[in-house]
Amino acid sequence: MDLDDFEGEIRSREDFLQFLQRLHQDFKKHGETWENNRLDLFIEALHAYASDLDGFDRGTGQRIDLDGPQWQFFADTLAGARVYE
């Protein structure tokens, strides 16, 4: 199972923990291909991606409860930070 397999499937803390484990494994195997492959870049991108999620919501038509995030919100934010500029 890769990271894309988790899209829309994070519904519990356990799902989120499994997602984080896969995110870590993906970095260990493919970190050199991540746009934000240093911690400082990753955290900067995480902040920028989370700040712009209302634009993502409008652009994709997905309904995201930005005031009451769920586990899926955190997974989407972390996965998006890998490539967000």
N, C-alpha and C. Protein backbone atom coordinates (compact mmCIF):
# COMPACT_ATOMS: atom_id res chain seq x y z
N MET A 1 0.85 -1.17 0.00
CA MET A 1 0.00 0.00 0.00
C MET A 1 0.89 1.24 0.00
N ASP A 2 0.64 2.17 -0.91
CA ASP A 2 1.43 3.40 -0.91
C ASP A 2 0.58 4.54 -0.37
N LEU A 3 1.14 5.73 -0.35
CA LEU A 3 0.46 6.87 0.25
C LEU A 3 -0.86 7.21 -0.44
N ASP A 4 -0.92 7.05 -1.74
CA ASP A 4 -2.15 7.37 -2.46
C ASP A 4 -3.31 6.45 -2.08
N ASP A 5 -2.98 5.25 -1.57
CA ASP A 5 -4.02 4.31 -1.14
C ASP A 5 -4.78 4.82 0.08
N PHE A 6 -4.20 5.78 0.80
CA PHE A 6 -4.84 6.31 2.00
C PHE A 6 -5.79 7.46 1.68
N GLU A 7 -5.81 7.95 0.46
CA GLU A 7 -6.63 9.11 0.11
C GLU A 7 -8.09 8.87 0.46
N GLY A 8 -8.62 9.71 1.32
CA GLY A 8 -10.01 9.60 1.71
C GLY A 8 -10.32 8.47 2.67
N GLU A 9 -9.29 7.78 3.17
CA GLU A 9 -9.51 6.59 4.00
C GLU A 9 -9.08 6.76 5.46
N ILE A 10 -8.65 7.93 5.85
CA ILE A 10 -8.22 8.14 7.23
C ILE A 10 -9.44 8.50 8.06
N ARG A 11 -9.83 7.57 8.93
CA ARG A 11 -11.04 7.78 9.72
C ARG A 11 -10.82 7.59 11.22
N SER A 12 -9.61 7.23 11.60
CA SER A 12 -9.33 6.98 13.01
C SER A 12 -7.88 7.33 13.32
N ARG A 13 -7.59 7.35 14.58
CA ARG A 13 -6.22 7.59 15.00
C ARG A 13 -5.31 6.49 14.47
N GLU A 14 -5.77 5.25 14.51
CA GLU A 14 -4.97 4.13 14.01
C GLU A 14 -4.66 4.29 12.52
N ASP A 15 -5.67 4.69 11.74
CA ASP A 15 -5.44 4.94 10.30
C ASP A 15 -4.38 6.02 10.12
N PHE A 16 -4.48 7.07 10.92
CA PHE A 16 -3.52 8.17 10.81
C PHE A 16 -2.11 7.69 11.16
N LEU A 17 -1.99 6.87 12.19
CA LEU A 17 -0.68 6.35 12.57
C LEU A 17 -0.10 5.46 11.47
N GLN A 18 -0.93 4.64 10.84
CA GLN A 18 -0.46 3.82 9.73
C GLN A 18 -0.03 4.71 8.56
N PHE A 19 -0.79 5.77 8.31
CA PHE A 19 -0.42 6.70 7.26
C PHE A 19 0.94 7.32 7.55
N LEU A 20 1.16 7.76 8.78
CA LEU A 20 2.44 8.36 9.13
C LEU A 20 3.59 7.37 8.95
N GLN A 21 3.34 6.12 9.29
CA GLN A 21 4.35 5.09 9.10
C GLN A 21 4.69 4.95 7.61
N ARG A 22 3.68 4.92 6.76
CA ARG A 22 3.90 4.82 5.31
C ARG A 22 4.59 6.07 4.77
N LEU A 23 4.24 7.23 5.31
CA LEU A 23 4.89 8.47 4.90
C LEU A 23 6.38 8.40 5.21
N HIS A 24 6.70 7.91 6.39
CA HIS A 24 8.10 7.76 6.78
C HIS A 24 8.82 6.76 5.88
N GLN A 25 8.18 5.62 5.61
CA GLN A 25 8.77 4.61 4.72
C GLN A 25 8.99 5.19 3.32
N ASP A 26 8.03 5.96 2.83
CA ASP A 26 8.15 6.57 1.52
C ASP A 26 9.35 7.52 1.48
N PHE A 27 9.53 8.27 2.56
CA PHE A 27 10.67 9.19 2.61
C PHE A 27 11.98 8.41 2.61
N LYS A 28 12.06 7.34 3.38
CA LYS A 28 13.29 6.57 3.43
C LYS A 28 13.63 5.95 2.07
N LYS A 29 12.61 5.55 1.31
CA LYS A 29 12.84 4.93 0.00
C LYS A 29 12.97 5.94 -1.13
N HIS A 30 12.20 7.03 -1.06
CA HIS A 30 12.11 7.95 -2.20
C HIS A 30 12.32 9.41 -1.80
N GLY A 31 12.89 9.65 -0.64
CA GLY A 31 13.05 11.02 -0.14
C GLY A 31 13.75 11.95 -1.11
N GLU A 32 14.67 11.40 -1.88
CA GLU A 32 15.40 12.26 -2.84
C GLU A 32 14.48 12.81 -3.92
N THR A 33 13.31 12.23 -4.12
CA THR A 33 12.37 12.71 -5.14
C THR A 33 11.35 13.70 -4.56
N TRP A 34 11.28 13.81 -3.24
CA TRP A 34 10.36 14.76 -2.61
C TRP A 34 10.84 16.17 -2.89
N GLU A 35 9.95 17.05 -3.24
CA GLU A 35 10.31 18.45 -3.44
C GLU A 35 10.83 19.06 -2.14
N ASN A 36 10.22 18.71 -1.03
CA ASN A 36 10.56 19.26 0.28
C ASN A 36 11.16 18.15 1.14
N ASN A 37 12.41 17.81 0.84
CA ASN A 37 13.03 16.64 1.47
C ASN A 37 13.98 16.99 2.62
N ARG A 38 13.92 18.23 3.06
CA ARG A 38 14.62 18.63 4.29
C ARG A 38 13.55 19.11 5.27
N LEU A 39 13.81 18.92 6.54
CA LEU A 39 12.81 19.25 7.54
C LEU A 39 12.38 20.71 7.47
N ASP A 40 13.32 21.62 7.29
CA ASP A 40 12.96 23.03 7.22
C ASP A 40 12.04 23.31 6.02
N LEU A 41 12.34 22.70 4.89
CA LEU A 41 11.49 22.87 3.70
C LEU A 41 10.13 22.22 3.91
N PHE A 42 10.14 21.04 4.53
CA PHE A 42 8.90 20.31 4.77
C PHE A 42 7.97 21.10 5.68
N ILE A 43 8.50 21.62 6.77
CA ILE A 43 7.67 22.38 7.70
C ILE A 43 7.17 23.66 7.06
N GLU A 44 8.00 24.33 6.30
CA GLU A 44 7.56 25.53 5.58
C GLU A 44 6.43 25.20 4.61
N ALA A 45 6.59 24.11 3.87
CA ALA A 45 5.55 23.69 2.92
C ALA A 45 4.29 23.24 3.64
N LEU A 46 4.44 22.58 4.78
CA LEU A 46 3.29 22.15 5.56
C LEU A 46 2.47 23.36 6.00
N HIS A 47 3.14 24.38 6.46
CA HIS A 47 2.44 25.61 6.86
C HIS A 47 1.75 26.25 5.66
N ALA A 48 2.46 26.36 4.55
CA ALA A 48 1.88 26.98 3.36
C ALA A 48 0.70 26.18 2.82
N TYR A 49 0.82 24.87 2.80
CA TYR A 49 -0.25 24.01 2.29
C TYR A 49 -1.48 24.11 3.19
N ALA A 50 -1.27 24.04 4.50
CA ALA A 50 -2.39 24.15 5.45
C ALA A 50 -3.05 25.52 5.36
N SER A 51 -2.26 26.56 5.13
CA SER A 51 -2.81 27.91 5.00
C SER A 51 -3.65 28.07 3.75
N ASP A 52 -3.35 27.31 2.71
CA ASP A 52 -4.05 27.45 1.43
C ASP A 52 -5.10 26.37 1.20
N LEU A 53 -5.47 25.62 2.23
CA LEU A 53 -6.44 24.54 2.05
C LEU A 53 -7.81 25.04 1.61
N ASP A 54 -8.16 26.27 1.94
CA ASP A 54 -9.44 26.78 1.45
C ASP A 54 -9.42 26.90 -0.06
N GLY A 55 -8.27 27.23 -0.65
CA GLY A 55 -8.12 27.25 -2.10
C GLY A 55 -8.18 25.85 -2.68
N PHE A 56 -7.58 24.88 -2.00
CA PHE A 56 -7.65 23.48 -2.42
C PHE A 56 -9.09 23.02 -2.42
N ASP A 57 -9.82 23.38 -1.36
CA ASP A 57 -11.24 23.03 -1.22
C ASP A 57 -12.03 23.56 -2.42
N ARG A 58 -11.84 24.82 -2.75
CA ARG A 58 -12.56 25.43 -3.89
C ARG A 58 -12.12 24.83 -5.21
N GLY A 59 -10.81 24.57 -5.35
CA GLY A 59 -10.27 24.08 -6.61
C GLY A 59 -10.64 22.64 -6.94
N THR A 60 -10.83 21.82 -5.93
CA THR A 60 -11.11 20.40 -6.16
C THR A 60 -12.56 20.02 -5.93
N GLY A 61 -13.30 20.90 -5.29
CA GLY A 61 -14.69 20.58 -4.98
C GLY A 61 -14.85 19.70 -3.77
N GLN A 62 -13.75 19.35 -3.12
CA GLN A 62 -13.83 18.56 -1.90
C GLN A 62 -14.28 19.46 -0.75
N ARG A 63 -15.11 18.95 0.11
CA ARG A 63 -15.57 19.70 1.27
C ARG A 63 -14.66 19.38 2.44
N ILE A 64 -13.93 20.37 2.89
CA ILE A 64 -13.03 20.20 4.02
C ILE A 64 -13.52 21.10 5.15
N ASP A 65 -13.73 20.51 6.31
CA ASP A 65 -14.13 21.27 7.49
C ASP A 65 -12.86 21.85 8.10
N LEU A 66 -12.52 23.08 7.71
CA LEU A 66 -11.27 23.68 8.15
C LEU A 66 -11.30 24.10 9.62
N ASP A 67 -12.47 24.28 10.18
CA ASP A 67 -12.58 24.68 11.58
C ASP A 67 -12.59 23.50 12.52
N GLY A 68 -12.87 22.33 12.04
CA GLY A 68 -12.91 21.13 12.88
C GLY A 68 -12.25 19.99 12.15
N PRO A 69 -10.92 20.07 11.94
CA PRO A 69 -10.25 19.06 11.13
C PRO A 69 -10.39 17.65 11.70
N GLN A 70 -10.44 16.71 10.80
CA GLN A 70 -10.50 15.30 11.13
C GLN A 70 -9.13 14.69 10.84
N TRP A 71 -8.97 13.40 11.13
CA TRP A 71 -7.69 12.73 10.88
C TRP A 71 -7.31 12.82 9.41
N GLN A 72 -8.28 12.76 8.51
CA GLN A 72 -7.98 12.85 7.08
C GLN A 72 -7.34 14.19 6.74
N PHE A 73 -7.78 15.24 7.41
CA PHE A 73 -7.18 16.56 7.19
C PHE A 73 -5.68 16.52 7.46
N PHE A 74 -5.27 15.91 8.54
CA PHE A 74 -3.84 15.85 8.86
C PHE A 74 -3.07 15.02 7.84
N ALA A 75 -3.64 13.91 7.42
CA ALA A 75 -2.97 13.07 6.42
C ALA A 75 -2.85 13.81 5.10
N ASP A 76 -3.92 14.47 4.67
CA ASP A 76 -3.87 15.22 3.41
C ASP A 76 -2.84 16.35 3.49
N THR A 77 -2.78 17.00 4.62
CA THR A 77 -1.83 18.10 4.81
C THR A 77 -0.40 17.60 4.75
N LEU A 78 -0.10 16.50 5.43
CA LEU A 78 1.27 15.96 5.42
C LEU A 78 1.64 15.44 4.04
N ALA A 79 0.73 14.75 3.37
CA ALA A 79 1.02 14.24 2.03
C ALA A 79 1.21 15.40 1.06
N GLY A 80 0.40 16.40 1.16
CA GLY A 80 0.51 17.56 0.26
C GLY A 80 1.80 18.32 0.45
N ALA A 81 2.30 18.35 1.67
CA ALA A 81 3.54 19.07 1.95
C ALA A 81 4.75 18.47 1.22
N ARG A 82 4.65 17.22 0.81
CA ARG A 82 5.77 16.60 0.07
C ARG A 82 6.04 17.32 -1.23
N VAL A 83 5.01 17.88 -1.85
CA VAL A 83 5.18 18.46 -3.18
C VAL A 83 4.73 19.91 -3.29
N TYR A 84 4.14 20.45 -2.23
CA TYR A 84 3.62 21.82 -2.28
C TYR A 84 4.76 22.82 -2.35
N GLU A 85 4.61 23.80 -3.21
CA GLU A 85 5.67 24.81 -3.37
C GLU A 85 5.31 26.08 -2.65
